Amino acid sequence: MERIDRCELLARLPDRDLTELVALVVDTEHDEIITITPPTVGMIMARVQDGARGDVFNLGEVLVTECQVQIGEREGWSMLMGNRPRGAFDAAAIDAVTSGEHPNVATLDARLTALIAQQDEITAGERAALAATRVQFDTQ
């Protein structure tokens, strides 16, 4: 899996799943995690594109947590939506480990894919439940 794809999927997971994944690839007894930038809460501007005309505009600010760590010679970085210091730290550690050769990367990617599939299934169920409340306006 490519780094950008992995980071995108990691950002979608709740903190408890990130903690589970980091345990697959980081050996806390042998791997020293050096914090370069501790989990820091900040704001970024969310930019979106208008579907009708294609204009890009600033929708508003989004609360994010950013973190950067180093494991051995490899650095990892993450930015997650919300105030999530533990999740940002774990995601950065996963990014650091998977940026190089690691024997458990395939296992991590398989578990990550399974967790995302579970989350998508839950989301689909919630959307189906909400669909019953949808109002259809007919304009003629």
C-alpha atoms as a PDB file:
ATOM      1  CA  MET A   1       0.000   0.000   0.000  1.00  0.00           C
ATOM      2  CA  GLU A   2       1.279   3.485  -0.827  1.00  0.00           C
ATOM      3  CA  ARG A   3       2.062   5.888   2.017  1.00  0.00           C
ATOM      4  CA  ILE A   4      -0.574   8.434   0.993  1.00  0.00           C
ATOM      5  CA  ASP A   5      -3.274   5.740   0.893  1.00  0.00           C
ATOM      6  CA  ARG A   6      -2.222   4.331   4.264  1.00  0.00           C
ATOM      7  CA  CYS A   7      -2.221   7.797   5.888  1.00  0.00           C
ATOM      8  CA  GLU A   8      -5.663   8.553   4.471  1.00  0.00           C
ATOM      9  CA  LEU A   9      -7.043   5.320   5.930  1.00  0.00           C
ATOM     10  CA  LEU A  10      -5.313   5.850   9.286  1.00  0.00           C
ATOM     11  CA  ALA A  11      -6.953   9.279   9.577  1.00  0.00           C
ATOM     12  CA  ARG A  12     -10.391   7.647   9.287  1.00  0.00           C
ATOM     13  CA  LEU A  13      -9.899   5.255  12.214  1.00  0.00           C
ATOM     14  CA  PRO A  14     -10.824   5.890  15.856  1.00  0.00           C
ATOM     15  CA  ASP A  15      -8.005   6.073  18.391  1.00  0.00           C
ATOM     16  CA  ARG A  16      -8.629   2.565  19.801  1.00  0.00           C
ATOM     17  CA  ASP A  17      -8.009   1.046  16.353  1.00  0.00           C
ATOM     18  CA  LEU A  18      -4.837   3.089  15.882  1.00  0.00           C
ATOM     19  CA  THR A  19      -3.547   1.785  19.223  1.00  0.00           C
ATOM     20  CA  GLU A  20      -4.252  -1.770  18.054  1.00  0.00           C
ATOM     21  CA  LEU A  21      -2.389  -1.199  14.778  1.00  0.00           C
ATOM     22  CA  VAL A  22       0.650   0.431  16.360  1.00  0.00           C
ATOM     23  CA  ALA A  23       1.044  -2.656  18.561  1.00  0.00           C
ATOM     24  CA  LEU A  24       1.460  -4.743  15.374  1.00  0.00           C
ATOM     25  CA  VAL A  25       4.513  -2.836  14.152  1.00  0.00           C
ATOM     26  CA  VAL A  26       6.156  -1.047  17.089  1.00  0.00           C
ATOM     27  CA  ASP A  27       8.049  -3.057  19.682  1.00  0.00           C
ATOM     28  CA  THR A  28       7.972  -0.748  22.700  1.00  0.00           C
ATOM     29  CA  GLU A  29      10.781  -2.680  24.422  1.00  0.00           C
ATOM     30  CA  HIS A  30      13.250  -2.290  21.523  1.00  0.00           C
ATOM     31  CA  ASP A  31      11.974   0.622  19.413  1.00  0.00           C
ATOM     32  CA  GLU A  32      12.646   4.039  20.922  1.00  0.00           C
ATOM     33  CA  ILE A  33      10.057   6.561  19.792  1.00  0.00           C
ATOM     34  CA  ILE A  34      11.501  10.071  19.786  1.00  0.00           C
ATOM     35  CA  THR A  35       8.905  12.823  19.724  1.00  0.00           C
ATOM     36  CA  ILE A  36       9.944  15.552  17.275  1.00  0.00           C
ATOM     37  CA  THR A  37       6.681  17.503  17.474  1.00  0.00           C
ATOM     38  CA  PRO A  38       4.385  16.427  20.313  1.00  0.00           C
ATOM     39  CA  PRO A  39       0.675  16.116  19.548  1.00  0.00           C
ATOM     40  CA  THR A  40      -0.366  19.699  18.936  1.00  0.00           C
ATOM     41  CA  VAL A  41      -3.913  20.936  18.483  1.00  0.00           C
ATOM     42  CA  GLY A  42      -4.471  23.638  15.893  1.00  0.00           C
ATOM     43  CA  MET A  43      -6.785  24.877  13.193  1.00  0.00           C
ATOM     44  CA  ILE A  44      -6.575  24.603   9.419  1.00  0.00           C
ATOM     45  CA  MET A  45      -8.780  26.087   6.722  1.00  0.00           C
ATOM     46  CA  ALA A  46     -11.060  23.620   4.950  1.00  0.00           C
ATOM     47  CA  ARG A  47     -11.212  24.433   1.249  1.00  0.00           C
ATOM     48  CA  VAL A  48     -13.935  22.902  -0.896  1.00  0.00           C
ATOM     49  CA  GLN A  49     -14.958  23.024  -4.523  1.00  0.00           C
ATOM     50  CA  ASP A  50     -18.439  24.099  -5.543  1.00  0.00           C
ATOM     51  CA  GLY A  51     -20.050  21.293  -7.516  1.00  0.00           C
ATOM     52  CA  ALA A  52     -22.034  23.551  -9.848  1.00  0.00           C
ATOM     53  CA  ARG A  53     -19.418  26.040 -11.019  1.00  0.00           C
ATOM     54  CA  GLY A  54     -16.218  24.447  -9.768  1.00  0.00           C
ATOM     55  CA  ASP A  55     -15.215  27.478  -7.695  1.00  0.00           C
ATOM     56  CA  VAL A  56     -12.917  26.805  -4.739  1.00  0.00           C
ATOM     57  CA  PHE A  57     -13.826  28.562  -1.501  1.00  0.00           C
ATOM     58  CA  ASN A  58     -12.975  28.476   2.213  1.00  0.00           C
ATOM     59  CA  LEU A  59     -15.666  26.543   4.057  1.00  0.00           C
ATOM     60  CA  GLY A  60     -14.342  27.194   7.550  1.00  0.00           C
ATOM     61  CA  GLU A  61     -11.729  26.163  10.053  1.00  0.00           C
ATOM     62  CA  VAL A  62     -11.234  22.579  11.196  1.00  0.00           C
ATOM     63  CA  LEU A  63      -9.725  21.492  14.515  1.00  0.00           C
ATOM     64  CA  VAL A  64      -6.787  19.096  13.948  1.00  0.00           C
ATOM     65  CA  THR A  65      -4.065  17.364  15.956  1.00  0.00           C
ATOM     66  CA  GLU A  66      -0.607  17.068  14.371  1.00  0.00           C
ATOM     67  CA  CYS A  67       2.340  14.959  15.535  1.00  0.00           C
ATOM     68  CA  GLN A  68       5.799  14.017  14.261  1.00  0.00           C
ATOM     69  CA  VAL A  69       7.976  11.213  15.656  1.00  0.00           C
ATOM     70  CA  GLN A  70      11.182   9.375  14.836  1.00  0.00           C
ATOM     71  CA  ILE A  71      11.848   5.658  15.240  1.00  0.00           C
ATOM     72  CA  GLY A  72      15.431   4.752  14.426  1.00  0.00           C
ATOM     73  CA  GLU A  73      16.329   6.643  11.259  1.00  0.00           C
ATOM     74  CA  ARG A  74      12.741   6.929  10.026  1.00  0.00           C
ATOM     75  CA  GLU A  75      10.402   9.849  10.652  1.00  0.00           C
ATOM     76  CA  GLY A  76       6.628   9.692  10.708  1.00  0.00           C
ATOM     77  CA  TRP A  77       3.972  12.400  10.641  1.00  0.00           C
ATOM     78  CA  SER A  78       0.227  12.541  11.109  1.00  0.00           C
ATOM     79  CA  MET A  79      -2.628  15.024  11.184  1.00  0.00           C
ATOM     80  CA  LEU A  80      -6.025  13.917  12.412  1.00  0.00           C
ATOM     81  CA  MET A  81      -9.283  15.848  12.638  1.00  0.00           C
ATOM     82  CA  GLY A  82     -10.299  16.754  16.179  1.00  0.00           C
ATOM     83  CA  ASN A  83      -8.511  16.867  19.509  1.00  0.00           C
ATOM     84  CA  ARG A  84      -6.869  13.427  19.341  1.00  0.00           C
ATOM     85  CA  PRO A  85      -3.373  13.465  20.852  1.00  0.00           C
ATOM     86  CA  ARG A  86      -3.110   9.675  21.381  1.00  0.00           C
ATOM     87  CA  GLY A  87      -4.394   8.885  17.894  1.00  0.00           C
ATOM     88  CA  ALA A  88      -2.054  11.400  16.260  1.00  0.00           C
ATOM     89  CA  PHE A  89       0.939   9.953  18.128  1.00  0.00           C
ATOM     90  CA  ASP A  90       0.026   6.368  17.160  1.00  0.00           C
ATOM     91  CA  ALA A  91      -0.610   7.298  13.509  1.00  0.00           C
ATOM     92  CA  ALA A  92       2.757   9.097  13.325  1.00  0.00           C
ATOM     93  CA  ALA A  93       4.497   6.034  14.817  1.00  0.00           C
ATOM     94  CA  ILE A  94       2.828   3.776  12.242  1.00  0.00           C
ATOM     95  CA  ASP A  95       3.892   6.155   9.466  1.00  0.00           C
ATOM     96  CA  ALA A  96       7.499   6.098  10.718  1.00  0.00           C
ATOM     97  CA  VAL A  97       7.710   2.320  10.885  1.00  0.00           C
ATOM     98  CA  THR A  98       6.035   1.716   7.531  1.00  0.00           C
ATOM     99  CA  SER A  99       8.231   4.253   5.715  1.00  0.00           C
ATOM    100  CA  GLY A 100      11.005   1.659   5.680  1.00  0.00           C
ATOM    101  CA  GLU A 101      11.236  -2.097   5.432  1.00  0.00           C
ATOM    102  CA  HIS A 102       9.314  -3.770   8.232  1.00  0.00           C
ATOM    103  CA  PRO A 103       8.333  -7.447   8.426  1.00  0.00           C
ATOM    104  CA  ASN A 104       4.800  -6.725   9.668  1.00  0.00           C
ATOM    105  CA  VAL A 105       3.747  -4.118   7.094  1.00  0.00           C
ATOM    106  CA  ALA A 106       1.662  -6.636   5.135  1.00  0.00           C
ATOM    107  CA  THR A 107      -0.096  -7.716   8.340  1.00  0.00           C
ATOM    108  CA  LEU A 108      -0.714  -4.081   9.272  1.00  0.00           C
ATOM    109  CA  ASP A 109      -2.117  -3.253   5.837  1.00  0.00           C
ATOM    110  CA  ALA A 110      -4.430  -6.281   5.926  1.00  0.00           C
ATOM    111  CA  ARG A 111      -5.742  -5.351   9.397  1.00  0.00           C
ATOM    112  CA  LEU A 112      -6.084  -1.695   8.368  1.00  0.00           C
ATOM    113  CA  THR A 113      -8.144  -2.713   5.334  1.00  0.00           C
ATOM    114  CA  ALA A 114     -10.350  -4.940   7.516  1.00  0.00           C
ATOM    115  CA  LEU A 115     -10.952  -2.147  10.049  1.00  0.00           C
ATOM    116  CA  ILE A 116     -11.887   0.291   7.294  1.00  0.00           C
ATOM    117  CA  ALA A 117     -14.292  -2.283   5.798  1.00  0.00           C
ATOM    118  CA  GLN A 118     -15.963  -2.678   9.207  1.00  0.00           C
ATOM    119  CA  GLN A 119     -16.247   1.079   9.574  1.00  0.00           C
ATOM    120  CA  ASP A 120     -17.704   1.421   6.052  1.00  0.00           C
ATOM    121  CA  GLU A 121     -20.267  -1.277   6.855  1.00  0.00           C
ATOM    122  CA  ILE A 122     -21.366   0.578   9.996  1.00  0.00           C
ATOM    123  CA  THR A 123     -21.581   3.843   8.067  1.00  0.00           C
ATOM    124  CA  ALA A 124     -23.662   2.203   5.323  1.00  0.00           C
ATOM    125  CA  GLY A 125     -26.067   0.879   7.959  1.00  0.00           C
ATOM    126  CA  GLU A 126     -26.413   4.317   9.512  1.00  0.00           C
ATOM    127  CA  ARG A 127     -27.057   5.879   6.105  1.00  0.00           C
ATOM    128  CA  ALA A 128     -29.691   3.247   5.324  1.00  0.00           C
ATOM    129  CA  ALA A 129     -31.441   4.015   8.613  1.00  0.00           C
ATOM    130  CA  LEU A 130     -31.383   7.734   7.829  1.00  0.00           C
ATOM    131  CA  ALA A 131     -32.667   7.177   4.283  1.00  0.00           C
ATOM    132  CA  ALA A 132     -36.139   6.477   5.676  1.00  0.00           C
ATOM    133  CA  THR A 133     -36.309  10.054   6.953  1.00  0.00           C
ATOM    134  CA  ARG A 134     -35.293  11.635   3.649  1.00  0.00           C
ATOM    135  CA  VAL A 135     -37.743  14.085   2.151  1.00  0.00           C
ATOM    136  CA  GLN A 136     -38.048  14.069  -1.632  1.00  0.00           C
ATOM    137  CA  PHE A 137     -39.147  17.353  -3.138  1.00  0.00           C
ATOM    138  CA  ASP A 138     -40.567  17.177  -6.634  1.00  0.00           C
ATOM    139  CA  THR A 139     -40.183  20.384  -8.605  1.00  0.00           C
ATOM    140  CA  GLN A 140     -41.919  20.684 -11.928  1.00  0.00           C
END
